Amino acid sequence: MAGGKMQEAYLEEALREVGLEVGAAEAARLAAYAAMVVEAGRRMNLTGARSWEELVDRHIVDCLVGISKVDWSGVGGALDVGSGAGLPGIPLAIIRPEVKVGLVEARQKKAEFLRRCVGRLKLENAVVVRERAEVLGRRSDWREKEERVLARGVAPLAVLLEYCLPLLAEGGWLVAWKGPGVDQELTAAQVALAELGGRVGRIYGYRLKGGRERRLVLVEKVAATPAAYPRRPGIGAKRPLGV
């Protein structure tokens, strides 16, 4: 597809199909960001999207639908854990300039890509944090500080909870993008929820272009996470709580 206005028009129409709208400036930034992801994806594994349109339909729209279902009133900060290509953190930073967004990514090449995106898009409310979530969750300057933690395509829910709940302040929310098989993940995550201080608040179901089913799981932090968690990097994935 030709760049510029045609891409912005395509993106705006894709969002209207799911009942969302963004301003012209936000559409231009989102379109430019999508082009950066597609171009970089030719050199590294980012999303698997083979075209700009596929990236918009499967990823950008998915992120923005999920973001639209979260209460952002009065929220000053959020973390995107396992940010990878910047999804959903960069779309959040674009459409919610009042929210300071931390893009947590441990892999150097992907962190460097995220820094290029932040710089070229002039996202003054976004910062790249090159570190593992398990490390941040044990640091006093990060532990139980966040109002919102977002994660998309990172890990099964039982593992994801150990990555994310230690970072959330009590009363904060984990926002997890999942597929239609989330019921099995929820069953497997019951021990982790109880142990780490989480409670499932709401689950939203929606469909993307082509009928692709998605689920958005909102987990509230209702109690402090015990000091033993998160465990050392890699342990949560190898030995998920209760699994």
C-alpha atoms as a PDB file:
ATOM      1  CA  MET A   1       0.000   0.000   0.000  1.00  0.00           C
ATOM      2  CA  ALA A   2       1.192   3.507  -0.757  1.00  0.00           C
ATOM      3  CA  GLY A   3       2.227   5.433   2.335  1.00  0.00           C
ATOM      4  CA  GLY A   4       0.863   8.524   4.007  1.00  0.00           C
ATOM      5  CA  LYS A   5      -2.811   9.374   3.747  1.00  0.00           C
ATOM      6  CA  MET A   6      -3.850   6.043   2.238  1.00  0.00           C
ATOM      7  CA  GLN A   7      -2.375   4.144   5.150  1.00  0.00           C
ATOM      8  CA  GLU A   8      -3.976   6.489   7.659  1.00  0.00           C
ATOM      9  CA  ALA A   9      -7.348   6.079   5.935  1.00  0.00           C
ATOM     10  CA  TYR A  10      -7.005   2.281   6.013  1.00  0.00           C
ATOM     11  CA  LEU A  11      -6.167   2.350   9.719  1.00  0.00           C
ATOM     12  CA  GLU A  12      -9.044   4.688  10.546  1.00  0.00           C
ATOM     13  CA  GLU A  13     -11.492   2.466   8.663  1.00  0.00           C
ATOM     14  CA  ALA A  14     -10.156  -0.661  10.390  1.00  0.00           C
ATOM     15  CA  LEU A  15     -10.774   0.992  13.745  1.00  0.00           C
ATOM     16  CA  ARG A  16     -14.265   2.167  12.779  1.00  0.00           C
ATOM     17  CA  GLU A  17     -15.144  -1.448  11.979  1.00  0.00           C
ATOM     18  CA  VAL A  18     -14.650  -2.287  15.664  1.00  0.00           C
ATOM     19  CA  GLY A  19     -16.309   0.897  16.908  1.00  0.00           C
ATOM     20  CA  LEU A  20     -13.179   2.960  17.619  1.00  0.00           C
ATOM     21  CA  GLU A  21     -11.947   6.332  16.421  1.00  0.00           C
ATOM     22  CA  VAL A  22      -8.670   8.192  16.784  1.00  0.00           C
ATOM     23  CA  GLY A  23      -7.657  11.702  15.817  1.00  0.00           C
ATOM     24  CA  ALA A  24      -5.742  12.516  12.652  1.00  0.00           C
ATOM     25  CA  ALA A  25      -2.458  13.040  14.511  1.00  0.00           C
ATOM     26  CA  GLU A  26      -2.800   9.712  16.334  1.00  0.00           C
ATOM     27  CA  ALA A  27      -3.681   7.911  13.082  1.00  0.00           C
ATOM     28  CA  ALA A  28      -0.581   9.336  11.401  1.00  0.00           C
ATOM     29  CA  ARG A  29       1.648   8.195  14.271  1.00  0.00           C
ATOM     30  CA  LEU A  30       0.072   4.743  14.406  1.00  0.00           C
ATOM     31  CA  ALA A  31       0.491   4.322  10.639  1.00  0.00           C
ATOM     32  CA  ALA A  32       4.124   5.407  10.830  1.00  0.00           C
ATOM     33  CA  TYR A  33       4.749   3.036  13.719  1.00  0.00           C
ATOM     34  CA  ALA A  34       3.170   0.131  11.824  1.00  0.00           C
ATOM     35  CA  ALA A  35       5.473   0.846   8.884  1.00  0.00           C
ATOM     36  CA  MET A  36       8.499   0.752  11.194  1.00  0.00           C
ATOM     37  CA  VAL A  37       7.444  -2.626  12.602  1.00  0.00           C
ATOM     38  CA  VAL A  38       6.922  -4.134   9.151  1.00  0.00           C
ATOM     39  CA  GLU A  39      10.270  -2.828   7.901  1.00  0.00           C
ATOM     40  CA  ALA A  40      12.193  -4.040  10.970  1.00  0.00           C
ATOM     41  CA  GLY A  41      10.351  -7.357  10.817  1.00  0.00           C
ATOM     42  CA  ARG A  42      12.254  -8.193   7.652  1.00  0.00           C
ATOM     43  CA  ARG A  43      15.442  -8.342   9.722  1.00  0.00           C
ATOM     44  CA  MET A  44      14.232  -9.705  13.062  1.00  0.00           C
ATOM     45  CA  ASN A  45      11.343 -11.713  14.464  1.00  0.00           C
ATOM     46  CA  LEU A  46       8.814  -9.173  15.713  1.00  0.00           C
ATOM     47  CA  THR A  47       5.199 -10.069  14.931  1.00  0.00           C
ATOM     48  CA  GLY A  48       5.111 -12.451  11.984  1.00  0.00           C
ATOM     49  CA  ALA A  49       2.925  -9.993  10.051  1.00  0.00           C
ATOM     50  CA  ARG A  50       3.743 -10.210   6.348  1.00  0.00           C
ATOM     51  CA  SER A  51       2.238  -6.884   5.327  1.00  0.00           C
ATOM     52  CA  TRP A  52       1.360  -3.470   6.696  1.00  0.00           C
ATOM     53  CA  GLU A  53      -2.356  -4.300   6.432  1.00  0.00           C
ATOM     54  CA  GLU A  54      -1.935  -7.558   8.349  1.00  0.00           C
ATOM     55  CA  LEU A  55      -0.052  -5.743  11.097  1.00  0.00           C
ATOM     56  CA  VAL A  56      -2.873  -3.224  11.428  1.00  0.00           C
ATOM     57  CA  ASP A  57      -5.694  -5.784  11.318  1.00  0.00           C
ATOM     58  CA  ARG A  58      -4.145  -8.402  13.631  1.00  0.00           C
ATOM     59  CA  HIS A  59      -2.056  -6.314  15.989  1.00  0.00           C
ATOM     60  CA  ILE A  60      -2.716  -2.558  16.059  1.00  0.00           C
ATOM     61  CA  VAL A  61      -6.503  -2.941  16.116  1.00  0.00           C
ATOM     62  CA  ASP A  62      -6.243  -5.711  18.731  1.00  0.00           C
ATOM     63  CA  CYS A  63      -4.156  -3.480  20.993  1.00  0.00           C
ATOM     64  CA  LEU A  64      -6.487  -0.520  20.675  1.00  0.00           C
ATOM     65  CA  VAL A  65      -9.634  -2.575  21.308  1.00  0.00           C
ATOM     66  CA  GLY A  66      -8.054  -3.887  24.504  1.00  0.00           C
ATOM     67  CA  ILE A  67      -6.843  -0.462  25.603  1.00  0.00           C
ATOM     68  CA  SER A  68     -10.352   0.927  25.059  1.00  0.00           C
ATOM     69  CA  LYS A  69     -11.784  -1.518  27.607  1.00  0.00           C
ATOM     70  CA  VAL A  70      -9.528  -0.330  30.440  1.00  0.00           C
ATOM     71  CA  ASP A  71     -10.285   2.535  32.817  1.00  0.00           C
ATOM     72  CA  TRP A  72      -7.512   5.106  32.351  1.00  0.00           C
ATOM     73  CA  SER A  73      -9.046   7.925  34.392  1.00  0.00           C
ATOM     74  CA  GLY A  74      -6.400   9.352  36.701  1.00  0.00           C
ATOM     75  CA  VAL A  75      -3.796   6.765  35.679  1.00  0.00           C
ATOM     76  CA  GLY A  76      -0.340   8.284  35.385  1.00  0.00           C
ATOM     77  CA  GLY A  77       1.764   5.279  34.442  1.00  0.00           C
ATOM     78  CA  ALA A  78       1.752   1.807  32.927  1.00  0.00           C
ATOM     79  CA  LEU A  79       4.241  -0.918  32.047  1.00  0.00           C
ATOM     80  CA  ASP A  80       4.192  -3.050  28.893  1.00  0.00           C
ATOM     81  CA  VAL A  81       5.924  -6.262  30.002  1.00  0.00           C
ATOM     82  CA  GLY A  82       7.678  -8.248  27.273  1.00  0.00           C
ATOM     83  CA  SER A  83       7.071  -5.387  24.892  1.00  0.00           C
ATOM     84  CA  GLY A  84       8.829  -6.954  21.886  1.00  0.00           C
ATOM     85  CA  ALA A  85       7.677  -4.895  18.902  1.00  0.00           C
ATOM     86  CA  GLY A  86       6.067  -2.355  21.235  1.00  0.00           C
ATOM     87  CA  LEU A  87       2.613  -3.914  21.277  1.00  0.00           C
ATOM     88  CA  PRO A  88       0.551  -2.736  23.132  1.00  0.00           C
ATOM     89  CA  GLY A  89       2.809  -0.145  24.798  1.00  0.00           C
ATOM     90  CA  ILE A  90       3.507   2.132  21.845  1.00  0.00           C
ATOM     91  CA  PRO A  91      -0.144   2.342  20.692  1.00  0.00           C
ATOM     92  CA  LEU A  92      -1.022   3.167  24.310  1.00  0.00           C
ATOM     93  CA  ALA A  93       1.615   5.903  24.445  1.00  0.00           C
ATOM     94  CA  ILE A  94       0.305   7.359  21.176  1.00  0.00           C
ATOM     95  CA  ILE A  95      -3.350   7.566  22.132  1.00  0.00           C
ATOM     96  CA  ARG A  96      -2.863   8.282  25.849  1.00  0.00           C
ATOM     97  CA  PRO A  97      -0.174  10.972  26.020  1.00  0.00           C
ATOM     98  CA  GLU A  98      -1.026  11.645  29.684  1.00  0.00           C
ATOM     99  CA  VAL A  99       0.142   8.125  30.643  1.00  0.00           C
ATOM    100  CA  LYS A 100       3.863   7.495  31.062  1.00  0.00           C
ATOM    101  CA  VAL A 101       4.505   4.110  29.462  1.00  0.00           C
ATOM    102  CA  GLY A 102       7.463   1.867  30.298  1.00  0.00           C
ATOM    103  CA  LEU A 103       8.370  -0.604  27.547  1.00  0.00           C
ATOM    104  CA  VAL A 104       9.985  -3.542  29.358  1.00  0.00           C
ATOM    105  CA  GLU A 105      12.083  -5.656  26.999  1.00  0.00           C
ATOM    106  CA  ALA A 106      15.097  -7.775  27.984  1.00  0.00           C
ATOM    107  CA  ARG A 107      16.422  -8.574  24.497  1.00  0.00           C
ATOM    108  CA  GLN A 108      18.946  -6.032  23.248  1.00  0.00           C
ATOM    109  CA  LYS A 109      17.954  -5.900  19.569  1.00  0.00           C
ATOM    110  CA  LYS A 110      14.293  -5.467  20.354  1.00  0.00           C
ATOM    111  CA  ALA A 111      15.061  -2.854  23.008  1.00  0.00           C
ATOM    112  CA  GLU A 112      17.117  -0.945  20.440  1.00  0.00           C
ATOM    113  CA  PHE A 113      14.218  -1.123  17.975  1.00  0.00           C
ATOM    114  CA  LEU A 114      11.862   0.233  20.624  1.00  0.00           C
ATOM    115  CA  ARG A 115      14.225   3.125  21.324  1.00  0.00           C
ATOM    116  CA  ARG A 116      14.244   3.974  17.601  1.00  0.00           C
ATOM    117  CA  CYS A 117      10.455   3.958  17.558  1.00  0.00           C
ATOM    118  CA  VAL A 118      10.219   6.180  20.628  1.00  0.00           C
ATOM    119  CA  GLY A 119      12.707   8.627  19.119  1.00  0.00           C
ATOM    120  CA  ARG A 120      11.280   8.786  15.594  1.00  0.00           C
ATOM    121  CA  LEU A 121       7.702   9.069  16.839  1.00  0.00           C
ATOM    122  CA  LYS A 122       8.730  11.676  19.425  1.00  0.00           C
ATOM    123  CA  LEU A 123       6.962   9.835  22.229  1.00  0.00           C
ATOM    124  CA  GLU A 124       7.956  11.912  25.218  1.00  0.00           C
ATOM    125  CA  ASN A 125       5.756   9.777  27.489  1.00  0.00           C
ATOM    126  CA  ALA A 126       7.459   6.474  26.653  1.00  0.00           C
ATOM    127  CA  VAL A 127      10.701   4.993  27.952  1.00  0.00           C
ATOM    128  CA  VAL A 128      12.431   1.700  27.175  1.00  0.00           C
ATOM    129  CA  VAL A 129      13.453  -0.437  30.155  1.00  0.00           C
ATOM    130  CA  ARG A 130      15.902  -3.139  29.089  1.00  0.00           C
ATOM    131  CA  GLU A 131      15.430  -5.689  31.845  1.00  0.00           C
ATOM    132  CA  ARG A 132      13.571  -8.856  32.731  1.00  0.00           C
ATOM    133  CA  ALA A 133      10.305  -8.400  34.591  1.00  0.00           C
ATOM    134  CA  GLU A 134      11.443 -10.846  37.286  1.00  0.00           C
ATOM    135  CA  VAL A 135      14.411  -8.590  38.042  1.00  0.00           C
ATOM    136  CA  LEU A 136      12.330  -5.427  38.194  1.00  0.00           C
ATOM    137  CA  GLY A 137       9.808  -7.148  40.442  1.00  0.00           C
ATOM    138  CA  ARG A 138      12.464  -7.655  43.129  1.00  0.00           C
ATOM    139  CA  ARG A 139      13.789  -4.095  43.005  1.00  0.00           C
ATOM    140  CA  SER A 140      12.406  -1.698  45.608  1.00  0.00           C
ATOM    141  CA  ASP A 141      12.174   1.143  43.083  1.00  0.00           C
ATOM    142  CA  TRP A 142       9.886  -0.940  40.841  1.00  0.00           C
ATOM    143  CA  ARG A 143       8.142  -3.428  43.098  1.00  0.00           C
ATOM    144  CA  GLU A 144       4.411  -2.803  43.688  1.00  0.00           C
ATOM    145  CA  LYS A 145       4.555   0.665  42.159  1.00  0.00           C
ATOM    146  CA  GLU A 146       2.512   0.406  38.944  1.00  0.00           C
ATOM    147  CA  GLU A 147      -1.130   1.299  38.340  1.00  0.00           C
ATOM    148  CA  ARG A 148      -1.440  -0.739  35.153  1.00  0.00           C
ATOM    149  CA  VAL A 149       0.678  -3.551  33.719  1.00  0.00           C
ATOM    150  CA  LEU A 150      -0.033  -4.727  30.161  1.00  0.00           C
ATOM    151  CA  ALA A 151       1.082  -7.938  28.484  1.00  0.00           C
ATOM    152  CA  ARG A 152       0.275  -9.361  25.065  1.00  0.00           C
ATOM    153  CA  GLY A 153       1.565 -12.676  23.746  1.00  0.00           C
ATOM    154  CA  VAL A 154       4.110 -13.078  26.525  1.00  0.00           C
ATOM    155  CA  ALA A 155       3.387 -16.295  28.451  1.00  0.00           C
ATOM    156  CA  PRO A 156       0.611 -18.541  29.783  1.00  0.00           C
ATOM    157  CA  LEU A 157      -1.396 -16.786  32.475  1.00  0.00           C
ATOM    158  CA  ALA A 158       0.077 -18.733  35.419  1.00  0.00           C
ATOM    159  CA  VAL A 159       3.559 -17.599  34.350  1.00  0.00           C
ATOM    160  CA  LEU A 160       2.465 -14.092  33.399  1.00  0.00           C
ATOM    161  CA  LEU A 161       1.012 -13.473  36.855  1.00  0.00           C
ATOM    162  CA  GLU A 162       4.405 -14.085  38.458  1.00  0.00           C
ATOM    163  CA  TYR A 163       6.020 -11.664  36.026  1.00  0.00           C
ATOM    164  CA  CYS A 164       3.457  -8.912  36.465  1.00  0.00           C
ATOM    165  CA  LEU A 165       1.686  -8.958  39.830  1.00  0.00           C
ATOM    166  CA  PRO A 166       4.843  -8.144  41.845  1.00  0.00           C
ATOM    167  CA  LEU A 167       5.074  -4.921  39.812  1.00  0.00           C
ATOM    168  CA  LEU A 168       1.501  -3.820  40.536  1.00  0.00           C
ATOM    169  CA  ALA A 169       0.448  -1.678  43.466  1.00  0.00           C
ATOM    170  CA  GLU A 170      -2.587  -2.906  45.372  1.00  0.00           C
ATOM    171  CA  GLY A 171      -5.660  -1.716  43.504  1.00  0.00           C
ATOM    172  CA  GLY A 172      -3.775  -1.793  40.196  1.00  0.00           C
ATOM    173  CA  TRP A 173      -4.715  -3.944  37.221  1.00  0.00           C
ATOM    174  CA  LEU A 174      -2.988  -6.427  34.951  1.00  0.00           C
ATOM    175  CA  VAL A 175      -4.332  -6.270  31.392  1.00  0.00           C
ATOM    176  CA  ALA A 176      -3.610  -9.484  29.481  1.00  0.00           C
ATOM    177  CA  TRP A 177      -4.420 -10.093  25.812  1.00  0.00           C
ATOM    178  CA  LYS A 178      -5.332 -13.738  25.214  1.00  0.00           C
ATOM    179  CA  GLY A 179      -6.935 -16.047  22.663  1.00  0.00           C
ATOM    180  CA  PRO A 180     -10.077 -18.173  22.872  1.00  0.00           C
ATOM    181  CA  GLY A 181      -8.307 -20.875  24.921  1.00  0.00           C
ATOM    182  CA  VAL A 182      -8.010 -18.628  27.953  1.00  0.00           C
ATOM    183  CA  ASP A 183     -10.442 -20.701  30.039  1.00  0.00           C
ATOM    184  CA  GLN A 184      -7.850 -23.460  30.344  1.00  0.00           C
ATOM    185  CA  GLU A 185      -5.202 -20.900  31.283  1.00  0.00           C
ATOM    186  CA  LEU A 186      -7.482 -19.459  33.970  1.00  0.00           C
ATOM    187  CA  THR A 187      -8.044 -22.893  35.477  1.00  0.00           C
ATOM    188  CA  ALA A 188      -4.287 -23.519  35.599  1.00  0.00           C
ATOM    189  CA  ALA A 189      -3.671 -20.061  37.116  1.00  0.00           C
ATOM    190  CA  GLN A 190      -5.855 -20.354  40.224  1.00  0.00           C
ATOM    191  CA  VAL A 191      -2.966 -21.182  42.555  1.00  0.00           C
ATOM    192  CA  ALA A 192      -0.870 -18.314  41.146  1.00  0.00           C
ATOM    193  CA  LEU A 193      -3.753 -15.870  41.569  1.00  0.00           C
ATOM    194  CA  ALA A 194      -4.236 -16.808  45.215  1.00  0.00           C
ATOM    195  CA  GLU A 195      -0.521 -16.903  46.037  1.00  0.00           C
ATOM    196  CA  LEU A 196       0.432 -13.645  44.318  1.00  0.00           C
ATOM    197  CA  GLY A 197      -2.479 -11.451  45.401  1.00  0.00           C
ATOM    198  CA  GLY A 198      -4.578 -11.319  42.235  1.00  0.00           C
ATOM    199  CA  ARG A 199      -8.253 -11.671  41.415  1.00  0.00           C
ATOM    200  CA  VAL A 200      -9.822 -11.862  37.972  1.00  0.00           C
ATOM    201  CA  GLY A 201     -12.062  -8.856  37.565  1.00  0.00           C
ATOM    202  CA  ARG A 202     -13.441  -9.045  34.040  1.00  0.00           C
ATOM    203  CA  ILE A 203     -12.945 -10.953  30.822  1.00  0.00           C
ATOM    204  CA  TYR A 204     -13.937  -9.300  27.555  1.00  0.00           C
ATOM    205  CA  GLY A 205     -14.469 -11.229  24.347  1.00  0.00           C
ATOM    206  CA  TYR A 206     -14.287  -9.678  20.892  1.00  0.00           C
ATOM    207  CA  ARG A 207     -13.540 -10.542  17.279  1.00  0.00           C
ATOM    208  CA  LEU A 208     -11.061  -9.058  14.849  1.00  0.00           C
ATOM    209  CA  LYS A 209     -11.201  -8.964  11.064  1.00  0.00           C
ATOM    210  CA  GLY A 210     -11.774 -12.417   9.616  1.00  0.00           C
ATOM    211  CA  GLY A 211     -13.558 -13.601  12.758  1.00  0.00           C
ATOM    212  CA  ARG A 212     -10.407 -14.045  14.850  1.00  0.00           C
ATOM    213  CA  GLU A 213     -11.477 -14.464  18.472  1.00  0.00           C
ATOM    214  CA  ARG A 214      -9.739 -12.583  21.251  1.00  0.00           C
ATOM    215  CA  ARG A 215     -10.083 -12.323  25.027  1.00  0.00           C
ATOM    216  CA  LEU A 216      -8.940  -9.553  27.327  1.00  0.00           C
ATOM    217  CA  VAL A 217      -8.356 -10.611  30.935  1.00  0.00           C
ATOM    218  CA  LEU A 218      -8.305  -7.955  33.652  1.00  0.00           C
ATOM    219  CA  VAL A 219      -6.719  -9.046  36.933  1.00  0.00           C
ATOM    220  CA  GLU A 220      -6.923  -6.793  39.987  1.00  0.00           C
ATOM    221  CA  LYS A 221      -4.116  -6.693  42.539  1.00  0.00           C
ATOM    222  CA  VAL A 222      -6.048  -7.238  45.781  1.00  0.00           C
ATOM    223  CA  ALA A 223      -3.246  -8.135  48.220  1.00  0.00           C
ATOM    224  CA  ALA A 224       0.494  -7.671  48.564  1.00  0.00           C
ATOM    225  CA  THR A 225       2.655 -10.213  46.749  1.00  0.00           C
ATOM    226  CA  PRO A 226       4.779 -12.322  49.162  1.00  0.00           C
ATOM    227  CA  ALA A 227       8.462 -11.379  49.219  1.00  0.00           C
ATOM    228  CA  ALA A 228       9.448 -14.770  47.756  1.00  0.00           C
ATOM    229  CA  TYR A 229       8.050 -13.726  44.371  1.00  0.00           C
ATOM    230  CA  PRO A 230       8.983 -13.332  41.642  1.00  0.00           C
ATOM    231  CA  ARG A 231      11.443 -16.199  41.730  1.00  0.00           C
ATOM    232  CA  ARG A 232      14.773 -16.052  39.908  1.00  0.00           C
ATOM    233  CA  PRO A 233      14.611 -15.347  36.149  1.00  0.00           C
ATOM    234  CA  GLY A 234      13.454 -18.399  34.242  1.00  0.00           C
ATOM    235  CA  ILE A 235      12.063 -20.315  37.233  1.00  0.00           C
ATOM    236  CA  GLY A 236       8.489 -19.114  36.795  1.00  0.00           C
ATOM    237  CA  ALA A 237       8.404 -20.336  33.200  1.00  0.00           C
ATOM    238  CA  LYS A 238       9.993 -23.690  34.071  1.00  0.00           C
ATOM    239  CA  ARG A 239       7.892 -24.320  37.182  1.00  0.00           C
ATOM    240  CA  PRO A 240       4.661 -22.276  37.009  1.00  0.00           C
ATOM    241  CA  LEU A 241       2.863 -21.979  40.324  1.00  0.00           C
ATOM    242  CA  GLY A 242       0.259 -24.694  40.730  1.00  0.00           C
ATOM    243  CA  VAL A 243       0.928 -26.281  37.321  1.00  0.00           C
END
